[in-house]
Amino acid sequence: MKGSLSRLPVWIVIIVALTLLALMLAQTGQGSTASQQEQRIAQVLSTMAGAGRVEVALYYAQQETDVFSSSAGSAPTGALVVAEGADDMQVRLNLIRAVRTLLGLPETAVDVFVMEGKP
């Protein structure tokens, strides 16, 4: 049995490591998918005149160990909006105002950027 771990093929060790990593990401909720709240806000914002396609990322202040968390007890402290129509100043201001209203955030806590690849 001595040294039996070193006899395992490298690909088995890699598969086990990747599986463990995937499980850890799934449990912490920090995967690459947007939260339901982010998706819903993006859906609402994309219906605004001139906004086009919209993506939203919410920031949650560090409370204990979680920095990004969408637990029921925590409220977002910041928002990032990326929209196709954000190059128009009026659209940008409307997006900021809408996010501030929806989340109760100060204007300084909301950033809006133009989406890459806009036609």
PDB file of N, CA and C in Angstrom:
ATOM      1  N   MET A   1       0.813  -1.203   0.000  1.00  0.00           N
ATOM      2  CA  MET A   1       0.000   0.000   0.000  1.00  0.00           C
ATOM      3  C   MET A   1       0.850   1.258   0.000  1.00  0.00           C
ATOM      4  N   LYS A   2       2.066   1.176   0.488  1.00  0.00           N
ATOM      5  CA  LYS A   2       2.931   2.335   0.559  1.00  0.00           C
ATOM      6  C   LYS A   2       3.200   2.844  -0.856  1.00  0.00           C
ATOM      7  N   GLY A   3       2.911   4.154  -1.065  1.00  0.00           N
ATOM      8  CA  GLY A   3       3.135   4.763  -2.368  1.00  0.00           C
ATOM      9  C   GLY A   3       2.054   4.447  -3.388  1.00  0.00           C
ATOM     10  N   SER A   4       0.904   3.922  -2.967  1.00  0.00           N
ATOM     11  CA  SER A   4      -0.148   3.566  -3.917  1.00  0.00           C
ATOM     12  C   SER A   4      -0.779   4.801  -4.558  1.00  0.00           C
ATOM     13  N   LEU A   5      -0.761   5.930  -3.861  1.00  0.00           N
ATOM     14  CA  LEU A   5      -1.315   7.154  -4.420  1.00  0.00           C
ATOM     15  C   LEU A   5      -0.495   7.631  -5.615  1.00  0.00           C
ATOM     16  N   SER A   6       0.807   7.430  -5.552  1.00  0.00           N
ATOM     17  CA  SER A   6       1.651   7.875  -6.655  1.00  0.00           C
ATOM     18  C   SER A   6       1.493   7.007  -7.891  1.00  0.00           C
ATOM     19  N   ARG A   7       0.856   5.857  -7.765  1.00  0.00           N
ATOM     20  CA  ARG A   7       0.638   4.970  -8.913  1.00  0.00           C
ATOM     21  C   ARG A   7      -0.653   5.283  -9.672  1.00  0.00           C
ATOM     22  N   LEU A   8      -1.499   6.160  -9.111  1.00  0.00           N
ATOM     23  CA  LEU A   8      -2.744   6.529  -9.790  1.00  0.00           C
ATOM     24  C   LEU A   8      -2.419   7.310 -11.056  1.00  0.00           C
ATOM     25  N   PRO A   9      -3.120   7.009 -12.126  1.00  0.00           N
ATOM     26  CA  PRO A   9      -2.904   7.789 -13.349  1.00  0.00           C
ATOM     27  C   PRO A   9      -3.249   9.267 -13.104  1.00  0.00           C
ATOM     28  N   VAL A  10      -2.519  10.134 -13.731  1.00  0.00           N
ATOM     29  CA  VAL A  10      -2.687  11.576 -13.548  1.00  0.00           C
ATOM     30  C   VAL A  10      -4.097  12.019 -13.932  1.00  0.00           C
ATOM     31  N   TRP A  11      -4.672  11.422 -14.951  1.00  0.00           N
ATOM     32  CA  TRP A  11      -5.987  11.860 -15.402  1.00  0.00           C
ATOM     33  C   TRP A  11      -7.066  11.587 -14.360  1.00  0.00           C
ATOM     34  N   ILE A  12      -6.904  10.545 -13.539  1.00  0.00           N
ATOM     35  CA  ILE A  12      -7.882  10.273 -12.473  1.00  0.00           C
ATOM     36  C   ILE A  12      -7.794  11.367 -11.412  1.00  0.00           C
ATOM     37  N   VAL A  13      -6.601  11.766 -11.064  1.00  0.00           N
ATOM     38  CA  VAL A  13      -6.415  12.819 -10.076  1.00  0.00           C
ATOM     39  C   VAL A  13      -7.011  14.128 -10.583  1.00  0.00           C
ATOM     40  N   ILE A  14      -6.832  14.416 -11.867  1.00  0.00           N
ATOM     41  CA  ILE A  14      -7.375  15.647 -12.447  1.00  0.00           C
ATOM     42  C   ILE A  14      -8.898  15.608 -12.437  1.00  0.00           C
ATOM     43  N   ILE A  15      -9.481  14.494 -12.796  1.00  0.00           N
ATOM     44  CA  ILE A  15     -10.946  14.373 -12.808  1.00  0.00           C
ATOM     45  C   ILE A  15     -11.509  14.555 -11.409  1.00  0.00           C
ATOM     46  N   VAL A  16     -10.884  13.955 -10.421  1.00  0.00           N
ATOM     47  CA  VAL A  16     -11.353  14.090  -9.039  1.00  0.00           C
ATOM     48  C   VAL A  16     -11.240  15.544  -8.583  1.00  0.00           C
ATOM     49  N   ALA A  17     -10.129  16.199  -8.913  1.00  0.00           N
ATOM     50  CA  ALA A  17      -9.938  17.596  -8.518  1.00  0.00           C
ATOM     51  C   ALA A  17     -10.982  18.502  -9.166  1.00  0.00           C
ATOM     52  N   LEU A  18     -11.256  18.298 -10.453  1.00  0.00           N
ATOM     53  CA  LEU A  18     -12.260  19.112 -11.146  1.00  0.00           C
ATOM     54  C   LEU A  18     -13.662  18.877 -10.585  1.00  0.00           C
ATOM     55  N   THR A  19     -13.964  17.644 -10.254  1.00  0.00           N
ATOM     56  CA  THR A  19     -15.268  17.324  -9.666  1.00  0.00           C
ATOM     57  C   THR A  19     -15.434  18.018  -8.323  1.00  0.00           C
ATOM     58  N   LEU A  20     -14.404  17.981  -7.496  1.00  0.00           N
ATOM     59  CA  LEU A  20     -14.464  18.651  -6.200  1.00  0.00           C
ATOM     60  C   LEU A  20     -14.624  20.157  -6.362  1.00  0.00           C
ATOM     61  N   LEU A  21     -13.918  20.730  -7.318  1.00  0.00           N
ATOM     62  CA  LEU A  21     -14.031  22.156  -7.579  1.00  0.00           C
ATOM     63  C   LEU A  21     -15.449  22.527  -8.013  1.00  0.00           C
ATOM     64  N   ALA A  22     -16.021  21.730  -8.905  1.00  0.00           N
ATOM     65  CA  ALA A  22     -17.391  21.982  -9.369  1.00  0.00           C
ATOM     66  C   ALA A  22     -18.386  21.890  -8.220  1.00  0.00           C
ATOM     67  N   LEU A  23     -18.223  20.930  -7.344  1.00  0.00           N
ATOM     68  CA  LEU A  23     -19.113  20.794  -6.189  1.00  0.00           C
ATOM     69  C   LEU A  23     -18.985  21.983  -5.247  1.00  0.00           C
ATOM     70  N   MET A  24     -17.778  22.449  -5.028  1.00  0.00           N
ATOM     71  CA  MET A  24     -17.571  23.590  -4.139  1.00  0.00           C
ATOM     72  C   MET A  24     -18.214  24.849  -4.715  1.00  0.00           C
ATOM     73  N   LEU A  25     -18.069  25.071  -6.015  1.00  0.00           N
ATOM     74  CA  LEU A  25     -18.682  26.234  -6.647  1.00  0.00           C
ATOM     75  C   LEU A  25     -20.196  26.160  -6.600  1.00  0.00           C
ATOM     76  N   ALA A  26     -20.747  24.980  -6.786  1.00  0.00           N
ATOM     77  CA  ALA A  26     -22.199  24.810  -6.754  1.00  0.00           C
ATOM     78  C   ALA A  26     -22.745  25.080  -5.359  1.00  0.00           C
ATOM     79  N   GLN A  27     -22.019  24.682  -4.332  1.00  0.00           N
ATOM     80  CA  GLN A  27     -22.485  24.867  -2.963  1.00  0.00           C
ATOM     81  C   GLN A  27     -22.393  26.315  -2.521  1.00  0.00           C
ATOM     82  N   THR A  28     -21.389  27.040  -2.952  1.00  0.00           N
ATOM     83  CA  THR A  28     -21.232  28.423  -2.521  1.00  0.00           C
ATOM     84  C   THR A  28     -22.081  29.382  -3.330  1.00  0.00           C
ATOM     85  N   GLY A  29     -22.628  28.918  -4.445  1.00  0.00           N
ATOM     86  CA  GLY A  29     -23.474  29.778  -5.263  1.00  0.00           C
ATOM     87  C   GLY A  29     -22.691  30.821  -6.034  1.00  0.00           C
ATOM     88  N   GLN A  30     -21.390  30.623  -6.207  1.00  0.00           N
ATOM     89  CA  GLN A  30     -20.578  31.604  -6.901  1.00  0.00           C
ATOM     90  C   GLN A  30     -20.244  31.152  -8.304  1.00  0.00           C
ATOM     91  N   GLY A  31     -21.100  30.384  -8.904  1.00  0.00           N
ATOM     92  CA  GLY A  31     -20.887  29.942 -10.275  1.00  0.00           C
ATOM     93  C   GLY A  31     -21.061  31.108 -11.224  1.00  0.00           C
ATOM     94  N   SER A  32     -21.084  30.831 -12.504  1.00  0.00           N
ATOM     95  CA  SER A  32     -21.119  31.901 -13.488  1.00  0.00           C
ATOM     96  C   SER A  32     -22.530  32.349 -13.850  1.00  0.00           C
ATOM     97  N   THR A  33     -23.547  31.732 -13.295  1.00  0.00           N
ATOM     98  CA  THR A  33     -24.909  32.120 -13.658  1.00  0.00           C
ATOM     99  C   THR A  33     -25.384  33.291 -12.811  1.00  0.00           C
ATOM    100  N   ALA A  34     -26.166  34.139 -13.438  1.00  0.00           N
ATOM    101  CA  ALA A  34     -26.714  35.291 -12.734  1.00  0.00           C
ATOM    102  C   ALA A  34     -27.831  34.840 -11.800  1.00  0.00           C
ATOM    103  N   SER A  35     -27.984  35.562 -10.711  1.00  0.00           N
ATOM    104  CA  SER A  35     -29.059  35.247  -9.775  1.00  0.00           C
ATOM    105  C   SER A  35     -30.405  35.576 -10.416  1.00  0.00           C
ATOM    106  N   GLN A  36     -31.453  35.049  -9.835  1.00  0.00           N
ATOM    107  CA  GLN A  36     -32.784  35.331 -10.359  1.00  0.00           C
ATOM    108  C   GLN A  36     -33.101  36.814 -10.263  1.00  0.00           C
ATOM    109  N   GLN A  37     -32.630  37.459  -9.199  1.00  0.00           N
ATOM    110  CA  GLN A  37     -32.858  38.886  -9.042  1.00  0.00           C
ATOM    111  C   GLN A  37     -32.149  39.676 -10.144  1.00  0.00           C
ATOM    112  N   GLU A  38     -30.907  39.314 -10.439  1.00  0.00           N
ATOM    113  CA  GLU A  38     -30.165  39.982 -11.508  1.00  0.00           C
ATOM    114  C   GLU A  38     -30.848  39.773 -12.860  1.00  0.00           C
ATOM    115  N   GLN A  39     -31.301  38.555 -13.107  1.00  0.00           N
ATOM    116  CA  GLN A  39     -31.975  38.259 -14.372  1.00  0.00           C
ATOM    117  C   GLN A  39     -33.274  39.041 -14.503  1.00  0.00           C
ATOM    118  N   ARG A  40     -34.027  39.139 -13.416  1.00  0.00           N
ATOM    119  CA  ARG A  40     -35.301  39.860 -13.452  1.00  0.00           C
ATOM    120  C   ARG A  40     -35.082  41.352 -13.686  1.00  0.00           C
ATOM    121  N   ILE A  41     -34.078  41.918 -13.013  1.00  0.00           N
ATOM    122  CA  ILE A  41     -33.774  43.340 -13.199  1.00  0.00           C
ATOM    123  C   ILE A  41     -33.327  43.597 -14.637  1.00  0.00           C
ATOM    124  N   ALA A  42     -32.482  42.730 -15.175  1.00  0.00           N
ATOM    125  CA  ALA A  42     -32.022  42.869 -16.559  1.00  0.00           C
ATOM    126  C   ALA A  42     -33.198  42.795 -17.525  1.00  0.00           C
ATOM    127  N   GLN A  43     -34.141  41.908 -17.236  1.00  0.00           N
ATOM    128  CA  GLN A  43     -35.317  41.762 -18.089  1.00  0.00           C
ATOM    129  C   GLN A  43     -36.145  43.047 -18.083  1.00  0.00           C
ATOM    130  N   VAL A  44     -36.338  43.621 -16.909  1.00  0.00           N
ATOM    131  CA  VAL A  44     -37.109  44.864 -16.800  1.00  0.00           C
ATOM    132  C   VAL A  44     -36.387  46.001 -17.502  1.00  0.00           C
ATOM    133  N   LEU A  45     -35.084  46.139 -17.258  1.00  0.00           N
ATOM    134  CA  LEU A  45     -34.320  47.236 -17.858  1.00  0.00           C
ATOM    135  C   LEU A  45     -34.280  47.140 -19.384  1.00  0.00           C
ATOM    136  N   SER A  46     -34.234  45.928 -19.908  1.00  0.00           N
ATOM    137  CA  SER A  46     -34.150  45.762 -21.359  1.00  0.00           C
ATOM    138  C   SER A  46     -35.428  46.196 -22.069  1.00  0.00           C
ATOM    139  N   THR A  47     -36.516  46.356 -21.332  1.00  0.00           N
ATOM    140  CA  THR A  47     -37.767  46.825 -21.943  1.00  0.00           C
ATOM    141  C   THR A  47     -37.818  48.349 -22.035  1.00  0.00           C
ATOM    142  N   MET A  48     -36.867  49.018 -21.406  1.00  0.00           N
ATOM    143  CA  MET A  48     -36.840  50.484 -21.454  1.00  0.00           C
ATOM    144  C   MET A  48     -36.440  50.955 -22.849  1.00  0.00           C
ATOM    145  N   ALA A  49     -36.997  52.060 -23.270  1.00  0.00           N
ATOM    146  CA  ALA A  49     -36.718  52.607 -24.602  1.00  0.00           C
ATOM    147  C   ALA A  49     -35.229  52.869 -24.777  1.00  0.00           C
ATOM    148  N   GLY A  50     -34.661  52.282 -25.830  1.00  0.00           N
ATOM    149  CA  GLY A  50     -33.278  52.513 -26.180  1.00  0.00           C
ATOM    150  C   GLY A  50     -32.253  51.667 -25.441  1.00  0.00           C
ATOM    151  N   ALA A  51     -32.675  50.922 -24.435  1.00  0.00           N
ATOM    152  CA  ALA A  51     -31.716  50.156 -23.623  1.00  0.00           C
ATOM    153  C   ALA A  51     -31.126  48.979 -24.381  1.00  0.00           C
ATOM    154  N   GLY A  52     -31.922  48.305 -25.184  1.00  0.00           N
ATOM    155  CA  GLY A  52     -31.439  47.117 -25.897  1.00  0.00           C
ATOM    156  C   GLY A  52     -31.181  45.977 -24.924  1.00  0.00           C
ATOM    157  N   ARG A  53     -30.212  45.149 -25.260  1.00  0.00           N
ATOM    158  CA  ARG A  53     -29.869  44.004 -24.412  1.00  0.00           C
ATOM    159  C   ARG A  53     -29.165  44.515 -23.159  1.00  0.00           C
ATOM    160  N   VAL A  54     -29.486  43.924 -21.986  1.00  0.00           N
ATOM    161  CA  VAL A  54     -28.952  44.402 -20.708  1.00  0.00           C
ATOM    162  C   VAL A  54     -28.495  43.227 -19.862  1.00  0.00           C
ATOM    163  N   GLU A  55     -27.360  43.406 -19.187  1.00  0.00           N
ATOM    164  CA  GLU A  55     -26.859  42.459 -18.191  1.00  0.00           C
ATOM    165  C   GLU A  55     -26.695  43.209 -16.882  1.00  0.00           C
ATOM    166  N   VAL A  56     -26.957  42.538 -15.755  1.00  0.00           N
ATOM    167  CA  VAL A  56     -26.861  43.169 -14.438  1.00  0.00           C
ATOM    168  C   VAL A  56     -26.063  42.287 -13.501  1.00  0.00           C
ATOM    169  N   ALA A  57     -25.184  42.909 -12.730  1.00  0.00           N
ATOM    170  CA  ALA A  57     -24.460  42.218 -11.663  1.00  0.00           C
ATOM    171  C   ALA A  57     -24.654  43.024 -10.386  1.00  0.00           C
ATOM    172  N   LEU A  58     -25.052  42.345  -9.323  1.00  0.00           N
ATOM    173  CA  LEU A  58     -25.263  43.009  -8.039  1.00  0.00           C
ATOM    174  C   LEU A  58     -24.108  42.702  -7.107  1.00  0.00           C
ATOM    175  N   TYR A  59     -23.754  43.670  -6.294  1.00  0.00           N
ATOM    176  CA  TYR A  59     -22.687  43.503  -5.317  1.00  0.00           C
ATOM    177  C   TYR A  59     -23.303  43.521  -3.930  1.00  0.00           C
ATOM    178  N   TYR A  60     -22.890  42.571  -3.104  1.00  0.00           N
ATOM    179  CA  TYR A  60     -23.350  42.480  -1.731  1.00  0.00           C
ATOM    180  C   TYR A  60     -22.166  42.712  -0.811  1.00  0.00           C
ATOM    181  N   ALA A  61     -22.302  43.646   0.123  1.00  0.00           N
ATOM    182  CA  ALA A  61     -21.200  43.953   1.040  1.00  0.00           C
ATOM    183  C   ALA A  61     -20.862  42.718   1.865  1.00  0.00           C
ATOM    184  N   GLN A  62     -19.603  42.611   2.228  1.00  0.00           N
ATOM    185  CA  GLN A  62     -19.139  41.469   3.011  1.00  0.00           C
ATOM    186  C   GLN A  62     -19.795  41.497   4.383  1.00  0.00           C
ATOM    187  N   GLN A  63     -20.479  40.400   4.711  1.00  0.00           N
ATOM    188  CA  GLN A  63     -21.152  40.347   5.995  1.00  0.00           C
ATOM    189  C   GLN A  63     -20.437  39.425   6.964  1.00  0.00           C
ATOM    190  N   GLU A  64     -20.007  38.311   6.559  1.00  0.00           N
ATOM    191  CA  GLU A  64     -19.222  37.431   7.410  1.00  0.00           C
ATOM    192  C   GLU A  64     -18.125  36.839   6.566  1.00  0.00           C
ATOM    193  N   THR A  65     -18.490  35.873   5.720  1.00  0.00           N
ATOM    194  CA  THR A  65     -17.494  35.287   4.853  1.00  0.00           C
ATOM    195  C   THR A  65     -17.867  35.423   3.384  1.00  0.00           C
ATOM    196  N   ASP A  66     -19.127  35.743   3.091  1.00  0.00           N
ATOM    197  CA  ASP A  66     -19.574  35.831   1.707  1.00  0.00           C
ATOM    198  C   ASP A  66     -19.466  37.259   1.190  1.00  0.00           C
ATOM    199  N   VAL A  67     -18.844  37.424   0.025  1.00  0.00           N
ATOM    200  CA  VAL A  67     -18.807  38.727  -0.618  1.00  0.00           C
ATOM    201  C   VAL A  67     -19.951  38.827  -1.621  1.00  0.00           C
ATOM    202  N   PHE A  68     -20.106  37.800  -2.448  1.00  0.00           N
ATOM    203  CA  PHE A  68     -21.219  37.754  -3.397  1.00  0.00           C
ATOM    204  C   PHE A  68     -22.218  36.752  -2.855  1.00  0.00           C
ATOM    205  N   SER A  69     -23.368  37.247  -2.479  1.00  0.00           N
ATOM    206  CA  SER A  69     -24.380  36.377  -1.901  1.00  0.00           C
ATOM    207  C   SER A  69     -25.745  36.930  -2.256  1.00  0.00           C
ATOM    208  N   SER A  70     -26.663  36.055  -2.515  1.00  0.00           N
ATOM    209  CA  SER A  70     -28.015  36.521  -2.795  1.00  0.00           C
ATOM    210  C   SER A  70     -28.972  35.939  -1.763  1.00  0.00           C
ATOM    211  N   SER A  71     -28.497  35.785  -0.549  1.00  0.00           N
ATOM    212  CA  SER A  71     -29.340  35.231   0.493  1.00  0.00           C
ATOM    213  C   SER A  71     -30.454  36.214   0.823  1.00  0.00           C
ATOM    214  N   ALA A  72     -31.532  35.692   1.354  1.00  0.00           N
ATOM    215  CA  ALA A  72     -32.724  36.493   1.584  1.00  0.00           C
ATOM    216  C   ALA A  72     -32.481  37.658   2.538  1.00  0.00           C
ATOM    217  N   GLY A  73     -31.562  37.525   3.480  1.00  0.00           N
ATOM    218  CA  GLY A  73     -31.355  38.550   4.483  1.00  0.00           C
ATOM    219  C   GLY A  73     -30.447  39.681   4.046  1.00  0.00           C
ATOM    220  N   SER A  74     -29.780  39.574   2.920  1.00  0.00           N
ATOM    221  CA  SER A  74     -28.837  40.620   2.529  1.00  0.00           C
ATOM    222  C   SER A  74     -29.374  41.421   1.357  1.00  0.00           C
ATOM    223  N   ALA A  75     -29.154  42.720   1.427  1.00  0.00           N
ATOM    224  CA  ALA A  75     -29.583  43.613   0.348  1.00  0.00           C
ATOM    225  C   ALA A  75     -28.353  44.048  -0.433  1.00  0.00           C
ATOM    226  N   PRO A  76     -28.485  44.208  -1.731  1.00  0.00           N
ATOM    227  CA  PRO A  76     -27.333  44.641  -2.527  1.00  0.00           C
ATOM    228  C   PRO A  76     -26.883  46.037  -2.122  1.00  0.00           C
ATOM    229  N   THR A  77     -25.575  46.261  -2.203  1.00  0.00           N
ATOM    230  CA  THR A  77     -25.017  47.571  -1.887  1.00  0.00           C
ATOM    231  C   THR A  77     -24.477  48.265  -3.136  1.00  0.00           C
ATOM    232  N   GLY A  78     -24.524  47.576  -4.264  1.00  0.00           N
ATOM    233  CA  GLY A  78     -24.067  48.161  -5.503  1.00  0.00           C
ATOM    234  C   GLY A  78     -24.575  47.388  -6.697  1.00  0.00           C
ATOM    235  N   ALA A  79     -24.582  48.039  -7.862  1.00  0.00           N
ATOM    236  CA  ALA A  79     -25.062  47.383  -9.077  1.00  0.00           C
ATOM    237  C   ALA A  79     -24.231  47.830 -10.267  1.00  0.00           C
ATOM    238  N   LEU A  80     -23.976  46.883 -11.139  1.00  0.00           N
ATOM    239  CA  LEU A  80     -23.278  47.141 -12.397  1.00  0.00           C
ATOM    240  C   LEU A  80     -24.235  46.762 -13.523  1.00  0.00           C
ATOM    241  N   VAL A  81     -24.454  47.693 -14.434  1.00  0.00           N
ATOM    242  CA  VAL A  81     -25.356  47.471 -15.559  1.00  0.00           C
ATOM    243  C   VAL A  81     -24.557  47.635 -16.841  1.00  0.00           C
ATOM    244  N   VAL A  82     -24.678  46.675 -17.741  1.00  0.00           N
ATOM    245  CA  VAL A  82     -24.053  46.756 -19.055  1.00  0.00           C
ATOM    246  C   VAL A  82     -25.189  46.673 -20.068  1.00  0.00           C
ATOM    247  N   ALA A  83     -25.316  47.715 -20.887  1.00  0.00           N
ATOM    248  CA  ALA A  83     -26.445  47.780 -21.816  1.00  0.00           C
ATOM    249  C   ALA A  83     -25.991  48.245 -23.194  1.00  0.00           C
ATOM    250  N   GLU A  84     -26.655  47.709 -24.217  1.00  0.00           N
ATOM    251  CA  GLU A  84     -26.340  48.099 -25.589  1.00  0.00           C
ATOM    252  C   GLU A  84     -26.558  49.590 -25.815  1.00  0.00           C
ATOM    253  N   GLY A  85     -27.605  50.139 -25.251  1.00  0.00           N
ATOM    254  CA  GLY A  85     -27.946  51.533 -25.493  1.00  0.00           C
ATOM    255  C   GLY A  85     -27.335  52.525 -24.522  1.00  0.00           C
ATOM    256  N   ALA A  86     -26.395  52.084 -23.699  1.00  0.00           N
ATOM    257  CA  ALA A  86     -25.832  52.950 -22.662  1.00  0.00           C
ATOM    258  C   ALA A  86     -24.949  54.061 -23.205  1.00  0.00           C
ATOM    259  N   ASP A  87     -24.657  54.042 -24.510  1.00  0.00           N
ATOM    260  CA  ASP A  87     -23.868  55.145 -25.074  1.00  0.00           C
ATOM    261  C   ASP A  87     -24.706  56.423 -25.205  1.00  0.00           C
ATOM    262  N   ASP A  88     -26.021  56.296 -25.145  1.00  0.00           N
ATOM    263  CA  ASP A  88     -26.923  57.444 -25.146  1.00  0.00           C
ATOM    264  C   ASP A  88     -27.078  57.922 -23.698  1.00  0.00           C
ATOM    265  N   MET A  89     -26.745  59.181 -23.432  1.00  0.00           N
ATOM    266  CA  MET A  89     -26.741  59.699 -22.063  1.00  0.00           C
ATOM    267  C   MET A  89     -28.111  59.611 -21.406  1.00  0.00           C
ATOM    268  N   GLN A  90     -29.176  59.853 -22.152  1.00  0.00           N
ATOM    269  CA  GLN A  90     -30.519  59.783 -21.557  1.00  0.00           C
ATOM    270  C   GLN A  90     -30.865  58.351 -21.156  1.00  0.00           C
ATOM    271  N   VAL A  91     -30.501  57.392 -21.998  1.00  0.00           N
ATOM    272  CA  VAL A  91     -30.735  55.974 -21.668  1.00  0.00           C
ATOM    273  C   VAL A  91     -29.929  55.600 -20.429  1.00  0.00           C
ATOM    274  N   ARG A  92     -28.676  56.044 -20.390  1.00  0.00           N
ATOM    275  CA  ARG A  92     -27.817  55.752 -19.237  1.00  0.00           C
ATOM    276  C   ARG A  92     -28.428  56.300 -17.944  1.00  0.00           C
ATOM    277  N   LEU A  93     -28.891  57.544 -17.975  1.00  0.00           N
ATOM    278  CA  LEU A  93     -29.505  58.147 -16.791  1.00  0.00           C
ATOM    279  C   LEU A  93     -30.784  57.423 -16.392  1.00  0.00           C
ATOM    280  N   ASN A  94     -31.580  57.021 -17.389  1.00  0.00           N
ATOM    281  CA  ASN A  94     -32.803  56.271 -17.091  1.00  0.00           C
ATOM    282  C   ASN A  94     -32.486  54.909 -16.452  1.00  0.00           C
ATOM    283  N   LEU A  95     -31.436  54.248 -16.930  1.00  0.00           N
ATOM    284  CA  LEU A  95     -31.032  52.964 -16.338  1.00  0.00           C
ATOM    285  C   LEU A  95     -30.594  53.154 -14.882  1.00  0.00           C
ATOM    286  N   ILE A  96     -29.803  54.184 -14.633  1.00  0.00           N
ATOM    287  CA  ILE A  96     -29.364  54.457 -13.262  1.00  0.00           C
ATOM    288  C   ILE A  96     -30.563  54.730 -12.364  1.00  0.00           C
ATOM    289  N   ARG A  97     -31.473  55.566 -12.838  1.00  0.00           N
ATOM    290  CA  ARG A  97     -32.655  55.904 -12.034  1.00  0.00           C
ATOM    291  C   ARG A  97     -33.511  54.677 -11.752  1.00  0.00           C
ATOM    292  N   ALA A  98     -33.679  53.816 -12.747  1.00  0.00           N
ATOM    293  CA  ALA A  98     -34.489  52.610 -12.563  1.00  0.00           C
ATOM    294  C   ALA A  98     -33.850  51.664 -11.542  1.00  0.00           C
ATOM    295  N   VAL A  99     -32.536  51.455 -11.638  1.00  0.00           N
ATOM    296  CA  VAL A  99     -31.854  50.571 -10.691  1.00  0.00           C
ATOM    297  C   VAL A  99     -31.908  51.152  -9.286  1.00  0.00           C
ATOM    298  N   ARG A 100     -31.723  52.462  -9.168  1.00  0.00           N
ATOM    299  CA  ARG A 100     -31.817  53.107  -7.849  1.00  0.00           C
ATOM    300  C   ARG A 100     -33.203  52.900  -7.256  1.00  0.00           C
ATOM    301  N   THR A 101     -34.224  53.026  -8.074  1.00  0.00           N
ATOM    302  CA  THR A 101     -35.595  52.862  -7.593  1.00  0.00           C
ATOM    303  C   THR A 101     -35.864  51.413  -7.193  1.00  0.00           C
ATOM    304  N   LEU A 102     -35.459  50.479  -8.040  1.00  0.00           N
ATOM    305  CA  LEU A 102     -35.706  49.061  -7.755  1.00  0.00           C
ATOM    306  C   LEU A 102     -34.991  48.562  -6.511  1.00  0.00           C
ATOM    307  N   LEU A 103     -33.752  49.022  -6.305  1.00  0.00           N
ATOM    308  CA  LEU A 103     -32.931  48.475  -5.223  1.00  0.00           C
ATOM    309  C   LEU A 103     -32.733  49.423  -4.044  1.00  0.00           C
ATOM    310  N   GLY A 104     -33.187  50.657  -4.165  1.00  0.00           N
ATOM    311  CA  GLY A 104     -33.004  51.614  -3.077  1.00  0.00           C
ATOM    312  C   GLY A 104     -31.547  51.989  -2.868  1.00  0.00           C
ATOM    313  N   LEU A 105     -30.795  52.080  -3.955  1.00  0.00           N
ATOM    314  CA  LEU A 105     -29.370  52.390  -3.876  1.00  0.00           C
ATOM    315  C   LEU A 105     -29.116  53.865  -4.154  1.00  0.00           C
ATOM    316  N   PRO A 106     -28.034  54.409  -3.600  1.00  0.00           N
ATOM    317  CA  PRO A 106     -27.657  55.773  -3.972  1.00  0.00           C
ATOM    318  C   PRO A 106     -27.094  55.788  -5.387  1.00  0.00           C
ATOM    319  N   GLU A 107     -27.114  56.941  -6.021  1.00  0.00           N
ATOM    320  CA  GLU A 107     -26.630  57.062  -7.402  1.00  0.00           C
ATOM    321  C   GLU A 107     -25.184  56.602  -7.548  1.00  0.00           C
ATOM    322  N   THR A 108     -24.369  56.848  -6.533  1.00  0.00           N
ATOM    323  CA  THR A 108     -22.955  56.472  -6.591  1.00  0.00           C
ATOM    324  C   THR A 108     -22.735  54.970  -6.518  1.00  0.00           C
ATOM    325  N   ALA A 109     -23.760  54.207  -6.191  1.00  0.00           N
ATOM    326  CA  ALA A 109     -23.634  52.748  -6.072  1.00  0.00           C
ATOM    327  C   ALA A 109     -24.033  52.026  -7.353  1.00  0.00           C
ATOM    328  N   VAL A 110     -24.380  52.786  -8.402  1.00  0.00           N
ATOM    329  CA  VAL A 110     -24.822  52.193  -9.664  1.00  0.00           C
ATOM    330  C   VAL A 110     -23.901  52.667 -10.785  1.00  0.00           C
ATOM    331  N   ASP A 111     -23.287  51.720 -11.492  1.00  0.00           N
ATOM    332  CA  ASP A 111     -22.437  52.038 -12.648  1.00  0.00           C
ATOM    333  C   ASP A 111     -23.055  51.430 -13.890  1.00  0.00           C
ATOM    334  N   VAL A 112     -23.062  52.187 -14.973  1.00  0.00           N
ATOM    335  CA  VAL A 112     -23.633  51.736 -16.248  1.00  0.00           C
ATOM    336  C   VAL A 112     -22.559  51.856 -17.321  1.00  0.00           C
ATOM    337  N   PHE A 113     -22.418  50.793 -18.115  1.00  0.00           N
ATOM    338  CA  PHE A 113     -21.422  50.755 -19.174  1.00  0.00           C
ATOM    339  C   PHE A 113     -22.062  50.301 -20.478  1.00  0.00           C
ATOM    340  N   VAL A 114     -21.411  50.656 -21.604  1.00  0.00           N
ATOM    341  CA  VAL A 114     -21.882  50.254 -22.923  1.00  0.00           C
ATOM    342  C   VAL A 114     -21.469  48.791 -23.165  1.00  0.00           C
ATOM    343  N   MET A 115     -22.405  48.014 -23.677  1.00  0.00           N
ATOM    344  CA  MET A 115     -22.132  46.611 -23.983  1.00  0.00           C
ATOM    345  C   MET A 115     -21.242  46.497 -25.218  1.00  0.00           C
ATOM    346  N   GLU A 116     -20.249  45.660 -25.137  1.00  0.00           N
ATOM    347  CA  GLU A 116     -19.338  45.426 -26.252  1.00  0.00           C
ATOM    348  C   GLU A 116     -20.080  44.709 -27.376  1.00  0.00           C
ATOM    349  N   GLY A 117     -19.687  44.985 -28.588  1.00  0.00           N
ATOM    350  CA  GLY A 117     -20.281  44.299 -29.725  1.00  0.00           C
ATOM    351  C   GLY A 117     -21.588  44.895 -30.178  1.00  0.00           C
ATOM    352  N   LYS A 118     -21.881  46.107 -29.742  1.00  0.00           N
ATOM    353  CA  LYS A 118     -23.115  46.757 -30.179  1.00  0.00           C
ATOM    354  C   LYS A 118     -23.003  47.058 -31.666  1.00  0.00           C
ATOM    355  N   PRO A 119     -24.041  46.711 -32.449  1.00  0.00           N
ATOM    356  CA  PRO A 119     -24.005  46.985 -33.891  1.00  0.00           C
ATOM    357  C   PRO A 119     -23.986  48.448 -34.218  1.00  0.00           C
TER     358      PRO A 119
END
